[in-house]
N, C-alpha and C. Protein backbone atom coordinates (compact mmCIF):
# COMPACT_ATOMS: atom_id res chain seq x y z
N LEU A 1 25.70 -13.27 -24.37
CA LEU A 1 24.73 -12.41 -25.08
C LEU A 1 24.53 -12.98 -26.95
N LYS A 2 26.00 -13.17 -27.13
CA LYS A 2 25.98 -13.53 -28.50
C LYS A 2 25.15 -14.76 -28.96
N ASP A 3 25.10 -15.37 -28.32
CA ASP A 3 23.76 -16.65 -28.59
C ASP A 3 22.49 -16.10 -29.04
N PHE A 4 22.22 -15.34 -27.67
CA PHE A 4 20.72 -14.46 -28.04
C PHE A 4 20.39 -13.75 -29.09
N ALA A 5 21.46 -12.99 -29.60
CA ALA A 5 21.46 -11.67 -30.73
C ALA A 5 21.11 -12.78 -31.88
N GLN A 6 21.73 -14.02 -32.01
CA GLN A 6 21.87 -14.73 -33.25
C GLN A 6 20.68 -15.49 -33.17
N GLN A 7 19.75 -15.51 -32.30
CA GLN A 7 18.13 -15.94 -32.56
C GLN A 7 17.20 -15.03 -33.13
N ASP A 8 16.57 -15.46 -33.96
CA ASP A 8 15.55 -15.05 -35.13
C ASP A 8 14.99 -14.01 -34.46
N ILE A 9 14.83 -12.75 -35.36
CA ILE A 9 13.98 -11.73 -35.29
C ILE A 9 12.77 -11.74 -34.36
N LYS A 10 11.78 -12.59 -34.55
CA LYS A 10 10.67 -13.03 -34.08
C LYS A 10 10.93 -13.43 -32.91
N THR A 11 12.01 -14.59 -32.54
CA THR A 11 12.01 -14.35 -30.99
C THR A 11 12.26 -13.38 -30.13
N SER A 12 13.49 -12.19 -30.50
CA SER A 12 13.75 -11.04 -29.91
C SER A 12 12.41 -10.20 -29.95
N LEU A 13 11.61 -9.91 -30.78
CA LEU A 13 10.40 -9.36 -30.88
C LEU A 13 9.53 -9.72 -29.55
N ASN A 14 9.09 -10.85 -29.77
CA ASN A 14 8.19 -11.47 -28.69
C ASN A 14 9.25 -11.19 -27.45
N ALA A 15 10.09 -11.22 -27.21
CA ALA A 15 10.49 -11.22 -25.80
C ALA A 15 10.15 -9.76 -25.33
N LEU A 16 10.43 -8.94 -26.18
CA LEU A 16 10.27 -7.15 -26.51
C LEU A 16 8.91 -6.82 -25.51
N THR A 17 8.05 -7.57 -26.55
CA THR A 17 6.35 -7.50 -26.53
C THR A 17 6.28 -8.02 -25.07
N HIS A 18 6.19 -9.07 -24.72
CA HIS A 18 6.69 -9.70 -23.38
C HIS A 18 6.99 -8.96 -22.02
N ALA A 19 7.63 -7.51 -22.61
CA ALA A 19 8.00 -6.88 -21.34
C ALA A 19 7.09 -5.72 -21.13
N LEU A 20 6.55 -5.33 -21.84
CA LEU A 20 5.46 -4.35 -22.14
C LEU A 20 4.45 -4.56 -20.97
N PRO A 21 4.05 -3.49 -20.48
CA PRO A 21 3.01 -3.67 -19.30
C PRO A 21 1.62 -4.71 -19.87
N GLN A 22 1.26 -5.34 -19.05
CA GLN A 22 -0.05 -6.16 -19.40
C GLN A 22 -1.06 -5.43 -20.02
N ALA A 23 -1.67 -3.96 -20.01
CA ALA A 23 -2.67 -3.58 -19.82
C ALA A 23 -2.24 -3.44 -21.77
N ASN A 24 -1.25 -3.13 -22.27
CA ASN A 24 -0.82 -2.59 -23.85
C ASN A 24 -1.65 -3.49 -24.57
N PHE A 25 -1.65 -4.91 -24.03
CA PHE A 25 -2.62 -6.12 -24.95
C PHE A 25 -3.70 -6.31 -25.01
N MET A 26 -4.55 -5.10 -24.43
CA MET A 26 -5.99 -4.74 -24.37
C MET A 26 -6.32 -3.64 -25.51
N LEU A 27 -5.13 -2.97 -25.70
CA LEU A 27 -5.44 -1.65 -26.59
C LEU A 27 -5.50 -2.12 -28.10
N ASP A 28 -5.91 -1.17 -28.70
CA ASP A 28 -5.78 -1.51 -30.06
C ASP A 28 -4.80 0.05 -30.76
N LEU A 29 -4.50 -0.08 -31.93
CA LEU A 29 -3.31 0.82 -32.62
C LEU A 29 -3.89 2.55 -32.50
N ASN A 30 -4.82 2.18 -31.73
CA ASN A 30 -5.47 4.11 -31.31
C ASN A 30 -5.24 4.21 -30.16
N GLY A 31 -5.09 3.22 -29.00
CA GLY A 31 -4.86 3.27 -27.74
C GLY A 31 -6.00 3.06 -27.03
N GLU A 32 -7.12 2.54 -27.72
CA GLU A 32 -8.47 2.52 -26.98
C GLU A 32 -8.61 1.05 -27.15
N ILE A 33 -9.23 0.94 -25.70
CA ILE A 33 -9.68 -0.55 -25.47
C ILE A 33 -10.11 -1.62 -26.69
N ASP A 34 -9.49 -2.68 -27.27
CA ASP A 34 -9.54 -3.27 -28.31
C ASP A 34 -11.08 -3.31 -28.40
N HIS A 35 -11.78 -3.78 -29.43
CA HIS A 35 -13.29 -4.11 -29.64
C HIS A 35 -13.54 -5.37 -29.22
N ARG A 36 -12.38 -6.54 -29.77
CA ARG A 36 -12.89 -7.43 -29.24
C ARG A 36 -12.40 -8.25 -27.77
N VAL A 37 -12.22 -7.07 -27.09
CA VAL A 37 -12.30 -7.36 -25.37
C VAL A 37 -13.43 -7.64 -24.96
N LYS A 38 -13.74 -8.54 -24.18
CA LYS A 38 -15.09 -8.63 -24.17
C LYS A 38 -15.11 -8.43 -22.57
N VAL A 39 -14.35 -9.20 -21.54
CA VAL A 39 -14.24 -9.34 -20.73
C VAL A 39 -12.87 -9.48 -20.05
N ILE A 40 -12.65 -8.78 -18.72
CA ILE A 40 -11.20 -9.07 -17.91
C ILE A 40 -11.47 -9.68 -16.75
N GLY A 41 -10.64 -10.65 -16.42
CA GLY A 41 -11.09 -11.45 -15.33
C GLY A 41 -9.01 -11.59 -14.61
N ASP A 42 -9.39 -11.70 -13.39
CA ASP A 42 -8.41 -12.17 -12.22
C ASP A 42 -8.24 -13.61 -12.33
N ILE A 43 -6.86 -13.90 -13.01
CA ILE A 43 -6.41 -15.33 -12.61
C ILE A 43 -7.01 -16.41 -12.28
N THR A 44 -6.88 -15.87 -10.96
CA THR A 44 -7.35 -16.84 -10.09
C THR A 44 -8.96 -17.02 -9.93
N GLU A 45 -9.56 -16.24 -10.91
CA GLU A 45 -11.21 -16.51 -10.84
C GLU A 45 -11.23 -17.22 -12.17
N MET A 46 -10.05 -17.57 -13.06
CA MET A 46 -10.17 -18.00 -14.25
C MET A 46 -11.79 -18.87 -14.58
N ALA A 47 -11.72 -20.13 -13.97
CA ALA A 47 -12.07 -20.75 -14.48
C ALA A 47 -13.93 -20.35 -14.34
N GLU A 48 -13.83 -19.64 -13.50
CA GLU A 48 -15.32 -18.42 -13.22
C GLU A 48 -15.35 -17.91 -14.13
N VAL A 49 -14.53 -17.19 -14.35
CA VAL A 49 -14.62 -16.07 -15.46
C VAL A 49 -14.71 -16.57 -16.82
N LEU A 50 -14.17 -17.77 -17.19
CA LEU A 50 -14.33 -18.31 -18.73
C LEU A 50 -15.75 -19.21 -18.80
N GLU A 51 -16.14 -19.50 -17.85
CA GLU A 51 -17.51 -20.22 -17.32
C GLU A 51 -18.58 -19.21 -17.97
N MET A 52 -18.32 -17.88 -17.30
CA MET A 52 -19.28 -17.06 -17.73
C MET A 52 -19.50 -16.67 -18.53
N ILE A 53 -18.35 -16.91 -19.56
CA ILE A 53 -18.41 -16.19 -21.12
C ILE A 53 -18.55 -17.89 -21.88
N GLY A 54 -19.11 -18.62 -21.37
CA GLY A 54 -19.49 -19.60 -22.13
C GLY A 54 -18.79 -20.32 -22.53
N PHE A 55 -17.38 -20.97 -22.16
CA PHE A 55 -16.32 -21.99 -21.97
C PHE A 55 -16.72 -22.76 -20.84
N THR A 56 -16.83 -24.01 -21.18
CA THR A 56 -17.31 -24.97 -19.93
C THR A 56 -15.96 -25.96 -20.09
N ASP A 57 -15.53 -26.15 -20.64
CA ASP A 57 -13.99 -26.90 -20.70
C ASP A 57 -12.97 -26.90 -20.07
N PHE A 58 -12.75 -26.09 -19.23
CA PHE A 58 -11.38 -25.20 -18.82
C PHE A 58 -11.17 -26.23 -17.50
N ASP A 59 -9.69 -26.45 -17.84
CA ASP A 59 -9.10 -27.65 -16.78
C ASP A 59 -8.29 -26.50 -16.22
N PRO A 60 -8.65 -26.37 -14.44
CA PRO A 60 -7.58 -25.16 -14.20
C PRO A 60 -6.30 -26.24 -13.54
N ASN A 61 -6.38 -27.31 -13.83
CA ASN A 61 -5.12 -28.41 -13.12
C ASN A 61 -4.37 -28.50 -14.77
N LYS A 62 -4.87 -28.40 -15.93
CA LYS A 62 -3.79 -28.91 -16.75
C LYS A 62 -2.60 -27.24 -17.04
N LYS A 63 -1.96 -28.07 -17.16
CA LYS A 63 -0.37 -26.91 -17.32
C LYS A 63 -0.59 -26.62 -18.70
N GLY A 64 -0.03 -25.17 -18.87
CA GLY A 64 0.44 -24.39 -20.42
C GLY A 64 1.58 -24.85 -20.08
N ARG A 65 2.41 -23.73 -21.32
CA ARG A 65 3.59 -23.46 -21.57
C ARG A 65 4.80 -23.33 -20.35
N ASP A 66 5.55 -23.82 -19.99
CA ASP A 66 6.17 -24.09 -18.84
C ASP A 66 7.82 -23.09 -19.27
N ALA A 67 7.89 -22.13 -18.69
CA ALA A 67 8.87 -21.14 -19.08
C ALA A 67 10.69 -21.98 -18.25
N THR A 68 10.00 -22.57 -17.14
CA THR A 68 11.42 -23.06 -16.58
C THR A 68 11.98 -24.20 -17.38
N LYS A 69 11.47 -24.41 -18.48
CA LYS A 69 11.90 -25.55 -19.26
C LYS A 69 12.39 -24.83 -20.51
N ASN A 70 12.55 -23.66 -20.35
CA ASN A 70 13.09 -23.03 -21.92
C ASN A 70 14.56 -22.41 -21.38
N PHE A 71 15.03 -22.72 -22.26
CA PHE A 71 16.60 -22.77 -22.14
C PHE A 71 16.94 -21.45 -22.40
N VAL A 72 16.45 -20.74 -23.21
CA VAL A 72 17.21 -19.39 -23.88
C VAL A 72 16.61 -18.29 -22.52
N LYS A 73 15.65 -18.75 -21.88
CA LYS A 73 15.08 -17.57 -20.78
C LYS A 73 15.27 -18.19 -19.75
N GLN A 74 15.68 -19.28 -19.40
CA GLN A 74 16.77 -19.39 -18.08
C GLN A 74 17.67 -19.39 -17.98
N LYS A 75 18.56 -19.18 -19.76
CA LYS A 75 20.19 -19.07 -19.33
C LYS A 75 20.21 -17.29 -19.45
N TYR A 76 19.34 -16.28 -20.03
CA TYR A 76 19.65 -15.09 -20.05
C TYR A 76 18.42 -14.59 -19.18
N PHE A 77 17.80 -14.98 -19.07
CA PHE A 77 16.41 -14.09 -18.37
C PHE A 77 16.03 -15.25 -16.75
N PRO A 78 17.53 -15.32 -16.49
CA PRO A 78 16.75 -15.98 -15.08
C PRO A 78 15.88 -15.39 -13.90
N VAL A 79 14.88 -15.78 -13.08
CA VAL A 79 14.13 -14.91 -12.49
C VAL A 79 14.93 -14.69 -11.00
N HIS A 80 15.46 -14.19 -10.54
CA HIS A 80 16.17 -14.03 -9.46
C HIS A 80 15.69 -12.03 -8.92
N LYS A 81 14.70 -11.85 -8.65
CA LYS A 81 14.00 -10.55 -8.13
C LYS A 81 14.96 -10.30 -7.03
N GLU A 82 15.63 -11.09 -5.97
CA GLU A 82 16.54 -10.50 -5.28
C GLU A 82 17.71 -9.87 -5.57
N MET A 83 18.48 -9.92 -6.65
CA MET A 83 19.65 -9.36 -7.37
C MET A 83 19.28 -8.06 -7.80
N LEU A 84 17.81 -7.52 -8.11
CA LEU A 84 17.59 -6.25 -8.30
C LEU A 84 17.85 -5.05 -7.70
N SER A 85 18.88 -4.27 -7.65
CA SER A 85 18.72 -2.91 -7.31
C SER A 85 17.40 -2.53 -6.67
N ASN A 86 17.39 -1.33 -6.09
CA ASN A 86 16.24 -0.81 -5.34
C ASN A 86 15.87 0.24 -6.44
N GLU A 87 17.02 0.68 -7.28
CA GLU A 87 16.41 1.66 -8.29
C GLU A 87 16.07 0.91 -9.61
N THR A 88 16.69 -0.65 -9.94
CA THR A 88 16.19 -0.77 -10.97
C THR A 88 14.33 -1.21 -10.55
N LEU A 89 14.20 -1.69 -9.33
CA LEU A 89 13.00 -2.31 -9.06
C LEU A 89 11.99 -1.03 -9.30
N LYS A 90 12.60 0.16 -8.94
CA LYS A 90 11.41 1.42 -9.15
C LYS A 90 11.07 1.69 -10.47
N GLU A 91 12.70 1.43 -11.05
CA GLU A 91 11.88 2.03 -12.72
C GLU A 91 11.36 0.90 -13.31
N ILE A 92 11.25 -0.67 -12.83
CA ILE A 92 10.23 -1.44 -13.35
C ILE A 92 9.16 -1.07 -12.82
N CYS A 93 8.95 -0.39 -11.55
CA CYS A 93 7.69 -0.24 -11.23
C CYS A 93 7.13 1.01 -12.17
N GLU A 94 7.70 1.58 -12.41
CA GLU A 94 7.34 2.87 -13.15
C GLU A 94 6.66 2.46 -14.41
N PHE A 95 7.92 1.88 -15.16
CA PHE A 95 7.26 1.06 -16.85
C PHE A 95 5.98 0.45 -16.80
N VAL A 96 5.19 -0.32 -15.24
CA VAL A 96 4.61 -0.66 -15.81
C VAL A 96 3.44 -0.46 -14.60
N ALA A 97 3.66 0.80 -13.99
CA ALA A 97 2.73 1.29 -13.23
C ALA A 97 1.11 1.14 -13.67
N VAL A 98 1.21 1.36 -14.91
CA VAL A 98 -0.57 1.07 -14.77
C VAL A 98 -1.34 -0.27 -15.30
N ASP A 99 -0.68 -1.50 -15.07
CA ASP A 99 -1.16 -2.47 -14.46
C ASP A 99 -1.27 -2.40 -12.88
N TYR A 100 -0.85 -2.16 -12.33
CA TYR A 100 -0.52 -1.74 -10.55
C TYR A 100 -2.26 -1.36 -10.51
N TYR A 101 -2.34 -0.32 -11.42
CA TYR A 101 -3.61 0.51 -11.17
C TYR A 101 -4.74 -0.27 -11.99
N LEU A 102 -4.74 -0.63 -12.90
CA LEU A 102 -5.33 -1.50 -14.00
C LEU A 102 -5.91 -3.17 -12.76
N PHE A 103 -5.08 -3.38 -12.65
CA PHE A 103 -5.24 -4.79 -12.64
C PHE A 103 -5.19 -4.85 -10.81
N ASP A 104 -4.51 -4.18 -9.79
CA ASP A 104 -4.60 -4.71 -8.64
C ASP A 104 -3.47 -5.41 -8.57
N PHE A 105 -2.33 -5.42 -8.95
CA PHE A 105 -1.60 -6.06 -8.57
C PHE A 105 -0.57 -5.42 -7.49
N LYS A 106 0.07 -6.25 -6.56
CA LYS A 106 0.74 -6.06 -5.10
C LYS A 106 1.85 -5.19 -5.90
N ILE A 107 1.76 -4.17 -4.87
CA ILE A 107 3.10 -2.99 -5.67
C ILE A 107 4.39 -3.31 -4.52
N PRO A 108 5.07 -3.68 -4.82
CA PRO A 108 6.38 -4.14 -3.95
C PRO A 108 7.06 -2.77 -3.54
N GLU A 109 6.96 -3.50 -1.80
CA GLU A 109 7.41 -2.05 -0.85
C GLU A 109 8.33 -1.08 -1.26
N VAL A 110 9.44 -1.29 -2.15
CA VAL A 110 10.24 -0.42 -2.21
C VAL A 110 9.39 0.73 -3.42
N CYS A 111 8.92 0.31 -4.01
CA CYS A 111 8.09 1.54 -5.21
C CYS A 111 6.78 2.05 -4.12
N LEU A 112 6.49 1.77 -3.60
CA LEU A 112 5.36 2.96 -2.88
C LEU A 112 5.74 4.23 -2.81
N SER A 113 6.86 4.52 -2.32
CA SER A 113 6.68 5.50 -2.70
C SER A 113 7.92 6.61 -3.42
N SER A 114 8.38 5.63 -4.35
CA SER A 114 9.07 6.24 -4.93
C SER A 114 9.21 7.12 -6.16
N SER A 115 7.68 7.52 -6.32
CA SER A 115 7.49 8.74 -7.44
C SER A 115 5.82 8.94 -6.73
N PRO A 116 5.89 10.66 -7.01
CA PRO A 116 4.49 10.85 -7.11
C PRO A 116 3.24 10.08 -8.04
N TRP A 117 3.72 9.58 -8.99
CA TRP A 117 2.94 8.57 -9.80
C TRP A 117 2.34 7.04 -8.54
N MET A 118 3.49 6.82 -8.68
CA MET A 118 3.61 5.11 -7.91
C MET A 118 2.65 5.52 -6.92
N GLN A 119 2.80 6.92 -5.64
CA GLN A 119 1.80 6.77 -4.82
C GLN A 119 0.60 7.33 -5.02
N TYR A 120 -0.03 7.93 -5.74
CA TYR A 120 -0.92 8.04 -6.60
C TYR A 120 -1.88 6.39 -7.05
N VAL A 121 -1.23 5.93 -7.47
CA VAL A 121 -1.43 4.61 -7.84
C VAL A 121 -1.72 4.07 -6.47
N HIS A 122 -0.77 3.80 -5.91
CA HIS A 122 -1.08 3.12 -4.12
C HIS A 122 -2.38 3.34 -3.67
N GLN A 123 -2.19 4.89 -3.69
CA GLN A 123 -3.72 5.19 -2.93
C GLN A 123 -5.14 5.01 -3.68
N GLU A 124 -4.81 4.70 -4.95
CA GLU A 124 -6.22 4.77 -5.81
C GLU A 124 -6.22 3.05 -5.49
N ILE A 125 -5.41 2.37 -5.23
CA ILE A 125 -5.62 0.71 -4.89
C ILE A 125 -5.97 0.50 -3.63
N LEU A 126 -5.79 1.63 -2.81
CA LEU A 126 -5.97 1.17 -1.18
C LEU A 126 -7.62 1.56 -1.15
N GLN A 127 -8.09 2.38 -1.99
CA GLN A 127 -9.51 3.25 -1.86
C GLN A 127 -10.61 1.99 -2.54
């Protein structure tokens, strides 16, 4: 981790920011939906959502940034969900529960009954 700690502060803050629930990116400093948010759409419907708001040049086949080619992310933050303990996974679920609630993300099985909050979120999604 010494190499990672020596990265510039911007990189470190960027990593921290991206650990937050996705709903945080829609809020202003007062905790309200930012006035610039005009539409919220499902990524699987990206072409249709962008067309609806006037962007007609969207190419769904064009690839954006690819984290699989980022040395720091691959070395220090590899994606191996199977290595997470159930307790760690439950803590992550609690931390990003608002995303499950607002965006209808699939809740991992182990999290479905991990707390009253997660049970509530699951029941709301099912309705």
